[in-house]
Amino acid sequence: MDIAVVLATVAFVLVVLLVIVYLSIRVVQQYERMVVFRLGRTDQAMVRNPGLNFLIPVVDRPIKVDLRENLTEVPSQRTITRDNAPIDVDFLVFWRIVDPLTSVLAPMRLGDMILGVASTTLRAVIGDIPLDEVLSKREQINELLRVKLDEVTERWGGKVTTVEIREITPPRDVQDAMNRQLSADRTRRAVITESEGTRQAAINVAEGTKQSEILKAEGDRQAAILRAQGFSEALQQIFSAAKGIDEKTMALQYLEALKALGASPSTKYIIPADFTRLTESVAGYLDKGMGTGETA
């Protein structure tokens, strides 16, 4: 009986020790931080880092904080632009906790609080921007929303990293006007493209005609140069041959021409102006020939 009591006591002690060990040891993941409340009080020194951590059972109460980035989806909100145009906007807010202690002490539900602040901040931001800028400057609006939300969430230990507007739905009449403007812009670009093509084609035709005329003129010029060179060479040959002809040869040529005229049946003759000088030359040649015969 005494042995049974001893065994029961030992077993009870072991169970108690196991429970104490279980309650004393906490493993904190790399993406987590653990805020420890000791008898209801905590401070920055009570924030435990990743790894194996030991607590005092019953005295310490741990709260783990996830530092990974979170997403809050803001549903479609009806807002009014500065020029009184109603639009529906929905966007996404990406945030994370940077101060674990403040995130545990300050807000009750950080995600819900960010959602509420995002809705009111959106109305304030869109209310200061005209409709045209809301539709065309989405990146600037995203950055403005991020800055304003980050200013609010900083006191809760959070940080807004990114804001992305997912969809902006303008009124029906504005959508119709945008569609008509888009259609007109496409028509304008098509007309401009067609006119540019026509102009380029005309330029190409004119350029081809000009090149053709230039080539033709160049060909004519080369032909004229060749003809002139041939005529010049012919004149040079004639001049070279003429320099070797003496007066006797010319006289014989005239006599041959007169002989041909005499044989012609024509009754009218054209006598060269230097015919007299020709007869004198012939007479002179005859006198010389006779003188030579007498001397012999």
C-alpha atoms as a PDB file:
ATOM      1  CA  MET A   1       0.000   0.000   0.000  1.00  0.00           C
ATOM      2  CA  ASP A   2       2.800   2.375   0.792  1.00  0.00           C
ATOM      3  CA  ILE A   3       4.458   1.511  -2.528  1.00  0.00           C
ATOM      4  CA  ALA A   4       1.269   2.415  -4.433  1.00  0.00           C
ATOM      5  CA  VAL A   5       1.052   5.747  -2.687  1.00  0.00           C
ATOM      6  CA  VAL A   6       4.678   6.441  -3.495  1.00  0.00           C
ATOM      7  CA  LEU A   7       4.177   5.534  -7.149  1.00  0.00           C
ATOM      8  CA  ALA A   8       1.055   7.707  -7.365  1.00  0.00           C
ATOM      9  CA  THR A   9       2.888  10.607  -5.784  1.00  0.00           C
ATOM     10  CA  VAL A  10       5.817  10.213  -8.176  1.00  0.00           C
ATOM     11  CA  ALA A  11       3.448  10.053 -11.132  1.00  0.00           C
ATOM     12  CA  PHE A  12       1.633  13.182  -9.937  1.00  0.00           C
ATOM     13  CA  VAL A  13       4.897  15.024  -9.536  1.00  0.00           C
ATOM     14  CA  LEU A  14       6.003  13.999 -13.034  1.00  0.00           C
ATOM     15  CA  VAL A  15       2.733  15.190 -14.542  1.00  0.00           C
ATOM     16  CA  VAL A  16       3.028  18.483 -12.731  1.00  0.00           C
ATOM     17  CA  LEU A  17       6.581  18.886 -13.944  1.00  0.00           C
ATOM     18  CA  LEU A  18       5.570  18.092 -17.509  1.00  0.00           C
ATOM     19  CA  VAL A  19       2.767  20.646 -17.325  1.00  0.00           C
ATOM     20  CA  ILE A  20       5.151  23.231 -15.927  1.00  0.00           C
ATOM     21  CA  VAL A  21       7.684  22.514 -18.660  1.00  0.00           C
ATOM     22  CA  TYR A  22       4.968  22.728 -21.311  1.00  0.00           C
ATOM     23  CA  LEU A  23       3.742  26.034 -19.960  1.00  0.00           C
ATOM     24  CA  SER A  24       7.266  27.381 -19.565  1.00  0.00           C
ATOM     25  CA  ILE A  25       8.592  26.731 -23.054  1.00  0.00           C
ATOM     26  CA  ARG A  26       7.414  28.657 -26.112  1.00  0.00           C
ATOM     27  CA  VAL A  27       8.831  28.440 -29.635  1.00  0.00           C
ATOM     28  CA  VAL A  28       8.587  31.679 -31.651  1.00  0.00           C
ATOM     29  CA  GLN A  29       8.733  31.385 -35.451  1.00  0.00           C
ATOM     30  CA  GLN A  30      10.958  33.559 -37.626  1.00  0.00           C
ATOM     31  CA  TYR A  31       8.013  35.653 -38.861  1.00  0.00           C
ATOM     32  CA  GLU A  32       6.629  36.143 -35.332  1.00  0.00           C
ATOM     33  CA  ARG A  33       7.310  38.122 -32.191  1.00  0.00           C
ATOM     34  CA  MET A  34       5.946  37.271 -28.740  1.00  0.00           C
ATOM     35  CA  VAL A  35       4.721  39.927 -26.308  1.00  0.00           C
ATOM     36  CA  VAL A  36       4.764  38.621 -22.697  1.00  0.00           C
ATOM     37  CA  PHE A  37       2.476  40.045 -20.022  1.00  0.00           C
ATOM     38  CA  ARG A  38       3.829  39.370 -16.515  1.00  0.00           C
ATOM     39  CA  LEU A  39       1.108  39.800 -13.957  1.00  0.00           C
ATOM     40  CA  GLY A  40      -0.713  42.018 -16.431  1.00  0.00           C
ATOM     41  CA  ARG A  41       2.215  44.320 -17.175  1.00  0.00           C
ATOM     42  CA  THR A  42       4.547  44.450 -20.175  1.00  0.00           C
ATOM     43  CA  ASP A  43       7.123  46.668 -21.847  1.00  0.00           C
ATOM     44  CA  GLN A  44       9.536  46.603 -24.756  1.00  0.00           C
ATOM     45  CA  ALA A  45      11.887  44.299 -22.837  1.00  0.00           C
ATOM     46  CA  MET A  46       9.133  41.684 -22.666  1.00  0.00           C
ATOM     47  CA  VAL A  47       9.008  41.311 -26.464  1.00  0.00           C
ATOM     48  CA  ARG A  48      10.632  37.967 -27.274  1.00  0.00           C
ATOM     49  CA  ASN A  49      12.491  37.199 -30.511  1.00  0.00           C
ATOM     50  CA  PRO A  50      12.282  34.032 -32.662  1.00  0.00           C
ATOM     51  CA  GLY A  51      13.595  30.829 -31.117  1.00  0.00           C
ATOM     52  CA  LEU A  52      13.123  28.963 -27.838  1.00  0.00           C
ATOM     53  CA  ASN A  53      11.775  31.137 -24.993  1.00  0.00           C
ATOM     54  CA  PHE A  54      11.093  30.270 -21.339  1.00  0.00           C
ATOM     55  CA  LEU A  55       8.175  31.680 -19.370  1.00  0.00           C
ATOM     56  CA  ILE A  56       7.076  31.577 -15.752  1.00  0.00           C
ATOM     57  CA  PRO A  57       3.956  29.450 -15.622  1.00  0.00           C
ATOM     58  CA  VAL A  58       0.788  31.143 -14.389  1.00  0.00           C
ATOM     59  CA  VAL A  59       2.680  34.427 -13.989  1.00  0.00           C
ATOM     60  CA  ASP A  60       3.448  35.079 -17.688  1.00  0.00           C
ATOM     61  CA  ARG A  61       0.807  35.303 -20.470  1.00  0.00           C
ATOM     62  CA  PRO A  62       2.235  35.307 -24.036  1.00  0.00           C
ATOM     63  CA  ILE A  63       0.661  36.861 -27.149  1.00  0.00           C
ATOM     64  CA  LYS A  64       2.193  36.096 -30.524  1.00  0.00           C
ATOM     65  CA  VAL A  65       2.226  38.784 -33.238  1.00  0.00           C
ATOM     66  CA  ASP A  66       2.513  37.896 -36.939  1.00  0.00           C
ATOM     67  CA  LEU A  67       4.852  40.253 -38.821  1.00  0.00           C
ATOM     68  CA  ARG A  68       4.003  39.028 -42.301  1.00  0.00           C
ATOM     69  CA  GLU A  69       2.320  41.351 -44.778  1.00  0.00           C
ATOM     70  CA  ASN A  70      -1.462  41.412 -44.662  1.00  0.00           C
ATOM     71  CA  LEU A  71      -4.128  42.356 -47.173  1.00  0.00           C
ATOM     72  CA  THR A  72      -7.265  44.338 -46.512  1.00  0.00           C
ATOM     73  CA  GLU A  73      -9.782  44.512 -49.347  1.00  0.00           C
ATOM     74  CA  VAL A  74     -11.811  47.703 -49.378  1.00  0.00           C
ATOM     75  CA  PRO A  75     -15.155  47.061 -51.136  1.00  0.00           C
ATOM     76  CA  SER A  76     -16.595  49.424 -53.730  1.00  0.00           C
ATOM     77  CA  GLN A  77     -17.186  52.864 -52.249  1.00  0.00           C
ATOM     78  CA  ARG A  78     -19.363  55.608 -53.787  1.00  0.00           C
ATOM     79  CA  THR A  79     -17.385  58.845 -53.694  1.00  0.00           C
ATOM     80  CA  ILE A  80     -17.881  62.335 -55.131  1.00  0.00           C
ATOM     81  CA  THR A  81     -15.137  64.081 -57.084  1.00  0.00           C
ATOM     82  CA  ARG A  82     -14.327  67.764 -56.824  1.00  0.00           C
ATOM     83  CA  ASP A  83     -16.511  68.496 -59.864  1.00  0.00           C
ATOM     84  CA  ASN A  84     -19.468  66.623 -58.258  1.00  0.00           C
ATOM     85  CA  ALA A  85     -19.223  63.445 -60.354  1.00  0.00           C
ATOM     86  CA  PRO A  86     -20.180  60.250 -58.461  1.00  0.00           C
ATOM     87  CA  ILE A  87     -17.823  57.323 -59.003  1.00  0.00           C
ATOM     88  CA  ASP A  88     -17.415  53.872 -57.470  1.00  0.00           C
ATOM     89  CA  VAL A  89     -13.916  52.911 -56.342  1.00  0.00           C
ATOM     90  CA  ASP A  90     -12.596  49.733 -54.749  1.00  0.00           C
ATOM     91  CA  PHE A  91      -8.985  49.109 -53.810  1.00  0.00           C
ATOM     92  CA  LEU A  92      -6.573  46.932 -51.861  1.00  0.00           C
ATOM     93  CA  VAL A  93      -4.444  47.896 -48.865  1.00  0.00           C
ATOM     94  CA  PHE A  94      -1.256  45.959 -48.097  1.00  0.00           C
ATOM     95  CA  TRP A  95       0.075  46.431 -44.583  1.00  0.00           C
ATOM     96  CA  ARG A  96       2.252  44.802 -41.931  1.00  0.00           C
ATOM     97  CA  ILE A  97       3.122  45.224 -38.280  1.00  0.00           C
ATOM     98  CA  VAL A  98       6.413  46.927 -37.492  1.00  0.00           C
ATOM     99  CA  ASP A  99       5.957  47.473 -33.742  1.00  0.00           C
ATOM    100  CA  PRO A 100       4.624  44.313 -32.044  1.00  0.00           C
ATOM    101  CA  LEU A 101       4.158  45.898 -28.616  1.00  0.00           C
ATOM    102  CA  THR A 102       2.192  48.869 -29.930  1.00  0.00           C
ATOM    103  CA  SER A 103       0.090  46.651 -32.194  1.00  0.00           C
ATOM    104  CA  VAL A 104      -0.992  44.643 -29.118  1.00  0.00           C
ATOM    105  CA  LEU A 105      -1.617  47.597 -26.821  1.00  0.00           C
ATOM    106  CA  ALA A 106      -3.076  50.276 -29.139  1.00  0.00           C
ATOM    107  CA  PRO A 107      -5.666  48.815 -31.540  1.00  0.00           C
ATOM    108  CA  MET A 108      -8.421  46.335 -30.798  1.00  0.00           C
ATOM    109  CA  ARG A 109      -8.645  44.809 -34.297  1.00  0.00           C
ATOM    110  CA  LEU A 110      -6.034  46.348 -36.548  1.00  0.00           C
ATOM    111  CA  GLY A 111      -7.418  44.964 -39.828  1.00  0.00           C
ATOM    112  CA  ASP A 112     -10.936  46.291 -39.208  1.00  0.00           C
ATOM    113  CA  MET A 113      -9.587  49.655 -38.136  1.00  0.00           C
ATOM    114  CA  ILE A 114      -7.513  49.936 -41.327  1.00  0.00           C
ATOM    115  CA  LEU A 115     -10.625  49.114 -43.367  1.00  0.00           C
ATOM    116  CA  GLY A 116     -12.605  51.891 -41.716  1.00  0.00           C
ATOM    117  CA  VAL A 117      -9.841  54.444 -42.071  1.00  0.00           C
ATOM    118  CA  ALA A 118      -9.303  53.468 -45.719  1.00  0.00           C
ATOM    119  CA  SER A 119     -12.973  54.139 -46.567  1.00  0.00           C
ATOM    120  CA  THR A 120     -12.980  57.615 -45.038  1.00  0.00           C
ATOM    121  CA  THR A 121      -9.544  58.478 -46.438  1.00  0.00           C
ATOM    122  CA  LEU A 122     -10.676  57.491 -49.938  1.00  0.00           C
ATOM    123  CA  ARG A 123     -13.603  59.912 -49.819  1.00  0.00           C
ATOM    124  CA  ALA A 124     -11.355  62.711 -48.604  1.00  0.00           C
ATOM    125  CA  VAL A 125      -8.759  62.128 -51.307  1.00  0.00           C
ATOM    126  CA  ILE A 126     -11.187  61.706 -54.216  1.00  0.00           C
ATOM    127  CA  GLY A 127     -13.174  64.747 -53.079  1.00  0.00           C
ATOM    128  CA  ASP A 128     -10.166  66.971 -53.819  1.00  0.00           C
ATOM    129  CA  ILE A 129      -9.528  65.674 -57.359  1.00  0.00           C
ATOM    130  CA  PRO A 130     -11.509  66.331 -60.587  1.00  0.00           C
ATOM    131  CA  LEU A 131     -12.976  63.394 -62.465  1.00  0.00           C
ATOM    132  CA  ASP A 132     -10.516  63.589 -65.371  1.00  0.00           C
ATOM    133  CA  GLU A 133      -7.531  63.366 -63.008  1.00  0.00           C
ATOM    134  CA  VAL A 134      -9.121  60.493 -61.077  1.00  0.00           C
ATOM    135  CA  LEU A 135      -9.352  58.510 -64.307  1.00  0.00           C
ATOM    136  CA  SER A 136      -5.908  59.427 -65.632  1.00  0.00           C
ATOM    137  CA  LYS A 137      -3.722  59.705 -62.489  1.00  0.00           C
ATOM    138  CA  ARG A 138      -4.315  56.414 -60.738  1.00  0.00           C
ATOM    139  CA  GLU A 139      -0.688  55.988 -59.641  1.00  0.00           C
ATOM    140  CA  GLN A 140      -0.628  59.391 -57.962  1.00  0.00           C
ATOM    141  CA  ILE A 141      -3.876  58.612 -56.128  1.00  0.00           C
ATOM    142  CA  ASN A 142      -2.466  55.278 -54.961  1.00  0.00           C
ATOM    143  CA  GLU A 143       0.575  56.987 -53.491  1.00  0.00           C
ATOM    144  CA  LEU A 144      -1.523  59.709 -51.847  1.00  0.00           C
ATOM    145  CA  LEU A 145      -3.772  57.109 -50.220  1.00  0.00           C
ATOM    146  CA  ARG A 146      -0.763  55.138 -49.012  1.00  0.00           C
ATOM    147  CA  VAL A 147       0.819  58.181 -47.366  1.00  0.00           C
ATOM    148  CA  LYS A 148      -2.386  59.218 -45.600  1.00  0.00           C
ATOM    149  CA  LEU A 149      -3.174  55.698 -44.390  1.00  0.00           C
ATOM    150  CA  ASP A 150       0.397  55.193 -43.227  1.00  0.00           C
ATOM    151  CA  GLU A 151       0.185  58.333 -41.093  1.00  0.00           C
ATOM    152  CA  VAL A 152      -2.842  56.904 -39.282  1.00  0.00           C
ATOM    153  CA  THR A 153      -1.672  53.300 -38.892  1.00  0.00           C
ATOM    154  CA  GLU A 154       1.741  54.326 -37.600  1.00  0.00           C
ATOM    155  CA  ARG A 155       0.320  55.012 -34.146  1.00  0.00           C
ATOM    156  CA  TRP A 156      -1.110  51.476 -34.106  1.00  0.00           C
ATOM    157  CA  GLY A 157       2.234  49.824 -34.793  1.00  0.00           C
ATOM    158  CA  GLY A 158       1.408  49.093 -38.422  1.00  0.00           C
ATOM    159  CA  LYS A 159       2.736  50.323 -41.746  1.00  0.00           C
ATOM    160  CA  VAL A 160       0.871  50.563 -45.043  1.00  0.00           C
ATOM    161  CA  THR A 161       3.252  49.351 -47.754  1.00  0.00           C
ATOM    162  CA  THR A 162       1.095  49.538 -50.886  1.00  0.00           C
ATOM    163  CA  VAL A 163      -2.316  50.785 -52.002  1.00  0.00           C
ATOM    164  CA  GLU A 164      -3.698  49.595 -55.331  1.00  0.00           C
ATOM    165  CA  ILE A 165      -6.931  50.913 -56.835  1.00  0.00           C
ATOM    166  CA  ARG A 166      -8.529  47.916 -58.470  1.00  0.00           C
ATOM    167  CA  GLU A 167     -11.441  49.486 -60.347  1.00  0.00           C
ATOM    168  CA  ILE A 168     -12.923  52.920 -60.952  1.00  0.00           C
ATOM    169  CA  THR A 169     -16.469  52.972 -62.317  1.00  0.00           C
ATOM    170  CA  PRO A 170     -17.611  56.390 -63.591  1.00  0.00           C
ATOM    171  CA  PRO A 171     -21.281  57.270 -64.276  1.00  0.00           C
ATOM    172  CA  ARG A 172     -23.023  55.890 -67.377  1.00  0.00           C
ATOM    173  CA  ASP A 173     -23.067  59.216 -69.242  1.00  0.00           C
ATOM    174  CA  VAL A 174     -19.359  59.688 -68.562  1.00  0.00           C
ATOM    175  CA  GLN A 175     -18.656  56.183 -69.875  1.00  0.00           C
ATOM    176  CA  ASP A 176     -20.644  56.949 -73.046  1.00  0.00           C
ATOM    177  CA  ALA A 177     -18.719  60.191 -73.548  1.00  0.00           C
ATOM    178  CA  MET A 178     -15.426  58.366 -73.038  1.00  0.00           C
ATOM    179  CA  ASN A 179     -16.429  55.720 -75.592  1.00  0.00           C
ATOM    180  CA  ARG A 180     -17.345  58.393 -78.140  1.00  0.00           C
ATOM    181  CA  GLN A 181     -14.081  60.201 -77.496  1.00  0.00           C
ATOM    182  CA  LEU A 182     -12.145  56.962 -77.901  1.00  0.00           C
ATOM    183  CA  SER A 183     -13.930  56.203 -81.172  1.00  0.00           C
ATOM    184  CA  ALA A 184     -13.256  59.716 -82.477  1.00  0.00           C
ATOM    185  CA  ASP A 185      -9.600  59.440 -81.490  1.00  0.00           C
ATOM    186  CA  ARG A 186      -9.261  56.124 -83.317  1.00  0.00           C
ATOM    187  CA  THR A 187     -10.908  57.618 -86.418  1.00  0.00           C
ATOM    188  CA  ARG A 188      -8.551  60.598 -86.250  1.00  0.00           C
ATOM    189  CA  ARG A 189      -5.501  58.345 -86.000  1.00  0.00           C
ATOM    190  CA  ALA A 190      -6.764  56.258 -88.935  1.00  0.00           C
ATOM    191  CA  VAL A 191      -7.245  59.376 -91.082  1.00  0.00           C
ATOM    192  CA  ILE A 192      -3.808  60.679 -90.123  1.00  0.00           C
ATOM    193  CA  THR A 193      -2.223  57.331 -90.922  1.00  0.00           C
ATOM    194  CA  GLU A 194      -3.986  57.164 -94.297  1.00  0.00           C
ATOM    195  CA  SER A 195      -2.978  60.732 -95.206  1.00  0.00           C
ATOM    196  CA  GLU A 196       0.603  60.018 -94.178  1.00  0.00           C
ATOM    197  CA  GLY A 197       0.584  56.963 -96.429  1.00  0.00           C
ATOM    198  CA  THR A 198      -0.807  58.974 -99.359  1.00  0.00           C
ATOM    199  CA  ARG A 199       1.755  61.726 -98.811  1.00  0.00           C
ATOM    200  CA  GLN A 200       4.601  59.244 -98.622  1.00  0.00           C
ATOM    201  CA  ALA A 201       3.402  57.524-101.791  1.00  0.00           C
ATOM    202  CA  ALA A 202       3.269  60.877-103.618  1.00  0.00           C
ATOM    203  CA  ILE A 203       6.746  61.702-102.356  1.00  0.00           C
ATOM    204  CA  ASN A 204       8.043  58.356-103.574  1.00  0.00           C
ATOM    205  CA  VAL A 205       6.458  58.845-107.015  1.00  0.00           C
ATOM    206  CA  ALA A 206       7.868  62.367-107.304  1.00  0.00           C
ATOM    207  CA  GLU A 207      11.260  61.157-106.162  1.00  0.00           C
ATOM    208  CA  GLY A 208      11.185  58.365-108.729  1.00  0.00           C
ATOM    209  CA  THR A 209      10.187  60.808-111.504  1.00  0.00           C
ATOM    210  CA  LYS A 210      12.954  63.175-110.476  1.00  0.00           C
ATOM    211  CA  GLN A 211      15.534  60.426-110.509  1.00  0.00           C
ATOM    212  CA  SER A 212      14.287  59.274-113.899  1.00  0.00           C
ATOM    213  CA  GLU A 213      14.549  62.798-115.327  1.00  0.00           C
ATOM    214  CA  ILE A 214      18.013  63.188-113.830  1.00  0.00           C
ATOM    215  CA  LEU A 215      19.159  59.929-115.368  1.00  0.00           C
ATOM    216  CA  LYS A 216      17.634  60.868-118.734  1.00  0.00           C
ATOM    217  CA  ALA A 217      19.273  64.296-118.702  1.00  0.00           C
ATOM    218  CA  GLU A 218      22.566  62.705-117.712  1.00  0.00           C
ATOM    219  CA  GLY A 219      22.229  60.271-120.604  1.00  0.00           C
ATOM    220  CA  ASP A 220      21.461  63.083-123.065  1.00  0.00           C
ATOM    221  CA  ARG A 221      24.420  65.072-121.764  1.00  0.00           C
ATOM    222  CA  GLN A 222      26.752  62.108-122.132  1.00  0.00           C
ATOM    223  CA  ALA A 223      25.442  61.480-125.671  1.00  0.00           C
ATOM    224  CA  ALA A 224      25.966  65.153-126.592  1.00  0.00           C
ATOM    225  CA  ILE A 225      29.473  65.021-125.163  1.00  0.00           C
ATOM    226  CA  LEU A 226      30.241  61.885-127.162  1.00  0.00           C
ATOM    227  CA  ARG A 227      28.842  63.431-130.344  1.00  0.00           C
ATOM    228  CA  ALA A 228      30.841  66.586-129.771  1.00  0.00           C
ATOM    229  CA  GLN A 229      33.956  64.553-129.134  1.00  0.00           C
ATOM    230  CA  GLY A 230      33.364  62.575-132.371  1.00  0.00           C
ATOM    231  CA  PHE A 231      32.799  65.763-134.373  1.00  0.00           C
ATOM    232  CA  SER A 232      35.914  67.299-132.856  1.00  0.00           C
ATOM    233  CA  GLU A 233      37.992  64.272-133.754  1.00  0.00           C
ATOM    234  CA  ALA A 234      36.586  64.330-137.307  1.00  0.00           C
ATOM    235  CA  LEU A 235      37.472  68.000-137.681  1.00  0.00           C
ATOM    236  CA  GLN A 236      40.936  67.322-136.385  1.00  0.00           C
ATOM    237  CA  GLN A 237      41.388  64.534-138.924  1.00  0.00           C
ATOM    238  CA  ILE A 238      40.083  66.775-141.716  1.00  0.00           C
ATOM    239  CA  PHE A 239      42.377  69.586-140.601  1.00  0.00           C
ATOM    240  CA  SER A 240      45.339  67.205-140.459  1.00  0.00           C
ATOM    241  CA  ALA A 241      44.564  65.956-143.960  1.00  0.00           C
ATOM    242  CA  ALA A 242      44.006  69.477-145.271  1.00  0.00           C
ATOM    243  CA  LYS A 243      47.389  70.607-144.057  1.00  0.00           C
ATOM    244  CA  GLY A 244      49.022  68.071-146.391  1.00  0.00           C
ATOM    245  CA  ILE A 245      47.195  69.293-149.521  1.00  0.00           C
ATOM    246  CA  ASP A 246      49.195  71.791-151.668  1.00  0.00           C
ATOM    247  CA  GLU A 247      47.962  74.219-154.334  1.00  0.00           C
ATOM    248  CA  LYS A 248      48.568  71.777-157.187  1.00  0.00           C
ATOM    249  CA  THR A 249      46.320  69.204-155.656  1.00  0.00           C
ATOM    250  CA  MET A 250      43.606  71.830-155.091  1.00  0.00           C
ATOM    251  CA  ALA A 251      43.930  72.966-158.715  1.00  0.00           C
ATOM    252  CA  LEU A 252      43.530  69.419-159.974  1.00  0.00           C
ATOM    253  CA  GLN A 253      40.457  69.028-157.750  1.00  0.00           C
ATOM    254  CA  TYR A 254      38.949  72.182-159.271  1.00  0.00           C
ATOM    255  CA  LEU A 255      39.656  70.948-162.800  1.00  0.00           C
ATOM    256  CA  GLU A 256      38.003  67.637-162.024  1.00  0.00           C
ATOM    257  CA  ALA A 257      34.994  69.555-160.708  1.00  0.00           C
ATOM    258  CA  LEU A 258      34.856  71.697-163.888  1.00  0.00           C
ATOM    259  CA  LYS A 259      35.127  68.572-165.991  1.00  0.00           C
ATOM    260  CA  ALA A 260      32.133  67.122-164.173  1.00  0.00           C
ATOM    261  CA  LEU A 261      30.207  70.358-164.702  1.00  0.00           C
ATOM    262  CA  GLY A 262      30.996  70.310-168.374  1.00  0.00           C
ATOM    263  CA  ALA A 263      29.648  66.824-168.733  1.00  0.00           C
ATOM    264  CA  SER A 264      26.421  67.791-166.979  1.00  0.00           C
ATOM    265  CA  PRO A 265      23.341  68.473-169.226  1.00  0.00           C
ATOM    266  CA  SER A 266      22.493  71.541-167.152  1.00  0.00           C
ATOM    267  CA  THR A 267      22.520  74.951-168.869  1.00  0.00           C
ATOM    268  CA  LYS A 268      23.169  76.968-165.754  1.00  0.00           C
ATOM    269  CA  TYR A 269      26.405  76.777-163.768  1.00  0.00           C
ATOM    270  CA  ILE A 270      27.540  78.297-160.545  1.00  0.00           C
ATOM    271  CA  ILE A 271      31.115  79.480-160.791  1.00  0.00           C
ATOM    272  CA  PRO A 272      33.055  79.903-157.505  1.00  0.00           C
ATOM    273  CA  ALA A 273      34.201  83.426-156.694  1.00  0.00           C
ATOM    274  CA  ASP A 274      37.858  82.374-156.706  1.00  0.00           C
ATOM    275  CA  PHE A 275      37.618  80.861-160.221  1.00  0.00           C
ATOM    276  CA  THR A 276      39.846  83.656-161.626  1.00  0.00           C
ATOM    277  CA  ARG A 277      42.534  82.933-159.040  1.00  0.00           C
ATOM    278  CA  LEU A 278      42.219  79.262-159.955  1.00  0.00           C
ATOM    279  CA  THR A 279      42.799  79.952-163.699  1.00  0.00           C
ATOM    280  CA  GLU A 280      45.794  82.082-162.824  1.00  0.00           C
ATOM    281  CA  SER A 281      47.256  79.251-160.792  1.00  0.00           C
ATOM    282  CA  VAL A 282      46.657  76.774-163.606  1.00  0.00           C
ATOM    283  CA  ALA A 283      48.203  79.158-166.131  1.00  0.00           C
ATOM    284  CA  GLY A 284      51.190  79.632-163.907  1.00  0.00           C
ATOM    285  CA  TYR A 285      51.666  75.877-163.660  1.00  0.00           C
ATOM    286  CA  LEU A 286      51.404  75.597-167.457  1.00  0.00           C
ATOM    287  CA  ASP A 287      54.008  78.365-167.991  1.00  0.00           C
ATOM    288  CA  LYS A 288      56.352  76.660-165.617  1.00  0.00           C
ATOM    289  CA  GLY A 289      55.870  73.405-167.453  1.00  0.00           C
ATOM    290  CA  MET A 290      56.531  74.963-170.815  1.00  0.00           C
ATOM    291  CA  GLY A 291      59.597  76.790-169.545  1.00  0.00           C
ATOM    292  CA  THR A 292      60.977  73.563-168.266  1.00  0.00           C
ATOM    293  CA  GLY A 293      60.448  71.934-171.667  1.00  0.00           C
ATOM    294  CA  GLU A 294      62.255  74.702-173.529  1.00  0.00           C
ATOM    295  CA  THR A 295      65.174  74.553-171.272  1.00  0.00           C
ATOM    296  CA  ALA A 296      65.470  70.910-171.828  1.00  0.00           C
END
